[in-house]
Amino acid sequence: DDTVVAIPYGSRHIRLVLKGPDHLYLETKTLQGTKGENSLSSMGTFLVDNSTVDFQKLPDKEILRMAGPLTADFII
């Protein structure tokens, strides 16, 4: 697994598009040092470490949106 992008705590208005057969995988780390791992497999809006994540899975791409501000560091 490779880190594609690291999105820091407090970021806003994030939109990521992954094209092709790969799959988005999230790791989070809070200011308190708590780590979390999330593999998004179904479409919808989710709460990940108190941040709202909107995930869409289309035949040729995956789209991840986060309004923020993020309450943890996100590693995609």
N, C-alpha and C. Protein backbone atom coordinates (compact mmCIF):
# COMPACT_ATOMS: atom_id res chain seq x y z
N ASP A 1 0.84 -1.18 0.00
CA ASP A 1 0.00 0.00 0.00
C ASP A 1 0.88 1.24 0.00
N ASP A 2 0.52 2.19 -0.84
CA ASP A 2 1.27 3.43 -0.94
C ASP A 2 0.43 4.58 -0.44
N THR A 3 1.08 5.57 0.18
CA THR A 3 0.40 6.79 0.56
C THR A 3 0.26 7.64 -0.68
N VAL A 4 -0.98 7.97 -1.02
CA VAL A 4 -1.23 8.81 -2.18
C VAL A 4 -1.20 10.27 -1.76
N VAL A 5 -1.87 10.54 -0.63
CA VAL A 5 -1.91 11.92 -0.14
C VAL A 5 -2.13 11.91 1.37
N ALA A 6 -1.52 12.85 2.05
CA ALA A 6 -1.74 13.05 3.47
C ALA A 6 -2.47 14.37 3.63
N ILE A 7 -3.62 14.35 4.31
CA ILE A 7 -4.45 15.54 4.49
C ILE A 7 -4.41 15.89 5.97
N PRO A 8 -3.88 17.05 6.32
CA PRO A 8 -3.69 17.38 7.73
C PRO A 8 -4.96 17.80 8.46
N TYR A 9 -4.91 17.65 9.76
CA TYR A 9 -5.95 18.10 10.69
C TYR A 9 -6.35 19.54 10.35
N GLY A 10 -7.65 19.81 10.37
CA GLY A 10 -8.14 21.16 10.14
C GLY A 10 -8.42 21.50 8.68
N SER A 11 -8.04 20.62 7.76
CA SER A 11 -8.26 20.89 6.33
C SER A 11 -9.76 20.97 6.03
N ARG A 12 -10.09 21.70 4.97
CA ARG A 12 -11.48 21.88 4.55
C ARG A 12 -11.59 21.70 3.04
N HIS A 13 -12.81 21.39 2.60
CA HIS A 13 -13.17 21.32 1.18
C HIS A 13 -12.27 20.37 0.38
N ILE A 14 -12.21 19.11 0.80
CA ILE A 14 -11.37 18.11 0.15
C ILE A 14 -12.20 17.33 -0.84
N ARG A 15 -11.65 17.10 -2.03
CA ARG A 15 -12.28 16.25 -3.04
C ARG A 15 -11.18 15.46 -3.72
N LEU A 16 -11.25 14.13 -3.61
CA LEU A 16 -10.28 13.24 -4.24
C LEU A 16 -11.01 12.34 -5.22
N VAL A 17 -10.40 12.13 -6.38
CA VAL A 17 -10.95 11.23 -7.38
C VAL A 17 -9.88 10.20 -7.71
N LEU A 18 -10.23 8.92 -7.55
CA LEU A 18 -9.32 7.83 -7.88
C LEU A 18 -9.89 7.11 -9.09
N LYS A 19 -9.16 7.15 -10.20
CA LYS A 19 -9.62 6.50 -11.42
C LYS A 19 -8.91 5.16 -11.59
N GLY A 20 -9.62 4.20 -12.16
CA GLY A 20 -9.03 2.90 -12.41
C GLY A 20 -9.50 1.85 -11.41
N PRO A 21 -8.83 0.70 -11.39
CA PRO A 21 -9.28 -0.42 -10.58
C PRO A 21 -8.89 -0.36 -9.10
N ASP A 22 -8.03 0.58 -8.72
CA ASP A 22 -7.59 0.65 -7.33
C ASP A 22 -8.74 1.07 -6.42
N HIS A 23 -8.52 0.91 -5.11
CA HIS A 23 -9.56 1.20 -4.13
C HIS A 23 -9.02 2.15 -3.06
N LEU A 24 -9.84 3.14 -2.66
CA LEU A 24 -9.44 4.08 -1.61
C LEU A 24 -9.44 3.40 -0.24
N TYR A 25 -8.43 3.69 0.54
CA TYR A 25 -8.27 3.16 1.88
C TYR A 25 -7.83 4.31 2.77
N LEU A 26 -8.48 4.51 3.90
CA LEU A 26 -8.19 5.64 4.78
C LEU A 26 -7.52 5.19 6.06
N GLU A 27 -6.52 5.93 6.48
CA GLU A 27 -5.95 5.80 7.81
C GLU A 27 -6.11 7.16 8.47
N THR A 28 -6.40 7.17 9.76
CA THR A 28 -6.52 8.44 10.48
C THR A 28 -5.65 8.41 11.72
N LYS A 29 -5.25 9.61 12.13
CA LYS A 29 -4.51 9.75 13.38
C LYS A 29 -4.97 11.04 14.04
N THR A 30 -5.53 10.92 15.24
CA THR A 30 -6.03 12.09 15.96
C THR A 30 -4.89 12.79 16.70
N LEU A 31 -5.17 13.97 17.23
CA LEU A 31 -4.17 14.71 18.00
C LEU A 31 -3.75 13.95 19.25
N GLN A 32 -4.65 13.09 19.76
CA GLN A 32 -4.34 12.30 20.94
C GLN A 32 -3.52 11.06 20.60
N GLY A 33 -3.24 10.84 19.32
CA GLY A 33 -2.42 9.71 18.90
C GLY A 33 -3.22 8.46 18.55
N THR A 34 -4.55 8.53 18.62
CA THR A 34 -5.39 7.38 18.30
C THR A 34 -5.38 7.16 16.79
N LYS A 35 -5.14 5.92 16.37
CA LYS A 35 -5.12 5.60 14.95
C LYS A 35 -6.35 4.80 14.56
N GLY A 36 -6.80 4.99 13.32
CA GLY A 36 -7.93 4.24 12.80
C GLY A 36 -7.69 3.87 11.36
N GLU A 37 -8.33 2.78 10.92
CA GLU A 37 -8.21 2.33 9.53
C GLU A 37 -9.61 2.09 9.00
N ASN A 38 -9.86 2.53 7.74
CA ASN A 38 -11.17 2.42 7.14
C ASN A 38 -11.04 2.07 5.67
N SER A 39 -11.75 1.06 5.26
CA SER A 39 -11.84 0.70 3.85
C SER A 39 -13.28 0.94 3.44
N LEU A 40 -13.49 1.90 2.56
CA LEU A 40 -14.84 2.25 2.14
C LEU A 40 -15.26 1.35 0.98
N SER A 41 -16.31 0.57 1.18
CA SER A 41 -16.74 -0.36 0.13
C SER A 41 -18.14 -0.05 -0.39
N SER A 42 -18.92 0.71 0.39
CA SER A 42 -20.26 1.05 -0.09
C SER A 42 -20.40 2.57 -0.14
N MET A 43 -21.28 3.02 -1.02
CA MET A 43 -21.47 4.46 -1.19
C MET A 43 -22.28 5.01 -0.02
N GLY A 44 -22.05 6.27 0.29
CA GLY A 44 -22.81 6.92 1.33
C GLY A 44 -21.99 7.96 2.07
N THR A 45 -22.59 8.47 3.13
CA THR A 45 -21.93 9.45 3.98
C THR A 45 -21.63 8.78 5.31
N PHE A 46 -20.39 8.91 5.77
CA PHE A 46 -19.93 8.22 6.96
C PHE A 46 -19.26 9.21 7.91
N LEU A 47 -19.25 8.88 9.18
CA LEU A 47 -18.54 9.65 10.18
C LEU A 47 -17.26 8.89 10.51
N VAL A 48 -16.12 9.50 10.19
CA VAL A 48 -14.82 8.89 10.43
C VAL A 48 -14.04 9.82 11.35
N ASP A 49 -13.76 9.36 12.56
CA ASP A 49 -13.07 10.18 13.56
C ASP A 49 -13.67 11.58 13.67
N ASN A 50 -15.00 11.64 13.78
CA ASN A 50 -15.76 12.88 13.93
C ASN A 50 -15.68 13.81 12.73
N SER A 51 -15.27 13.29 11.57
CA SER A 51 -15.28 14.05 10.33
C SER A 51 -16.23 13.36 9.36
N THR A 52 -17.03 14.14 8.65
CA THR A 52 -17.99 13.59 7.70
C THR A 52 -17.30 13.31 6.37
N VAL A 53 -17.45 12.07 5.89
CA VAL A 53 -16.84 11.62 4.64
C VAL A 53 -17.95 11.16 3.71
N ASP A 54 -17.99 11.73 2.50
CA ASP A 54 -18.96 11.31 1.48
C ASP A 54 -18.21 10.49 0.45
N PHE A 55 -18.67 9.26 0.21
CA PHE A 55 -17.97 8.35 -0.70
C PHE A 55 -18.90 7.90 -1.81
N GLN A 56 -18.44 8.02 -3.07
CA GLN A 56 -19.17 7.54 -4.23
C GLN A 56 -18.30 6.55 -4.98
N LYS A 57 -18.88 5.43 -5.36
CA LYS A 57 -18.16 4.42 -6.14
C LYS A 57 -18.87 4.27 -7.48
N LEU A 58 -18.19 4.65 -8.54
CA LEU A 58 -18.72 4.56 -9.89
C LEU A 58 -17.96 3.47 -10.64
N PRO A 59 -18.45 3.03 -11.80
CA PRO A 59 -17.77 1.94 -12.52
C PRO A 59 -16.29 2.21 -12.83
N ASP A 60 -15.93 3.47 -13.09
CA ASP A 60 -14.56 3.77 -13.51
C ASP A 60 -13.77 4.62 -12.52
N LYS A 61 -14.40 5.01 -11.38
CA LYS A 61 -13.68 5.85 -10.42
C LYS A 61 -14.36 5.83 -9.05
N GLU A 62 -13.63 6.29 -8.05
CA GLU A 62 -14.14 6.48 -6.70
C GLU A 62 -13.92 7.94 -6.34
N ILE A 63 -14.92 8.55 -5.69
CA ILE A 63 -14.84 9.97 -5.32
C ILE A 63 -15.03 10.09 -3.81
N LEU A 64 -14.13 10.83 -3.19
CA LEU A 64 -14.17 11.05 -1.75
C LEU A 64 -14.26 12.56 -1.51
N ARG A 65 -15.25 12.97 -0.72
CA ARG A 65 -15.42 14.39 -0.39
C ARG A 65 -15.49 14.55 1.13
N MET A 66 -14.81 15.57 1.63
CA MET A 66 -14.86 15.89 3.05
C MET A 66 -14.94 17.41 3.18
N ALA A 67 -16.02 17.91 3.80
CA ALA A 67 -16.21 19.35 3.93
C ALA A 67 -15.25 19.94 4.95
N GLY A 68 -15.00 19.22 6.04
CA GLY A 68 -14.10 19.69 7.08
C GLY A 68 -14.76 20.71 7.99
N PRO A 69 -14.03 21.26 8.90
CA PRO A 69 -12.61 21.00 9.12
C PRO A 69 -12.39 19.59 9.69
N LEU A 70 -11.33 18.94 9.22
CA LEU A 70 -11.03 17.59 9.66
C LEU A 70 -10.59 17.59 11.11
N THR A 71 -11.00 16.54 11.83
CA THR A 71 -10.65 16.44 13.24
C THR A 71 -9.52 15.44 13.48
N ALA A 72 -8.87 15.02 12.40
CA ALA A 72 -7.72 14.11 12.48
C ALA A 72 -6.90 14.28 11.20
N ASP A 73 -5.67 13.76 11.21
CA ASP A 73 -4.90 13.66 9.97
C ASP A 73 -5.42 12.47 9.20
N PHE A 74 -5.63 12.61 7.89
CA PHE A 74 -6.09 11.52 7.04
C PHE A 74 -4.99 11.14 6.06
N ILE A 75 -4.69 9.85 5.99
CA ILE A 75 -3.72 9.31 5.04
C ILE A 75 -4.52 8.46 4.06
N ILE A 76 -4.44 8.78 2.78
CA ILE A 76 -5.21 8.06 1.76
C ILE A 76 -4.27 7.12 1.02
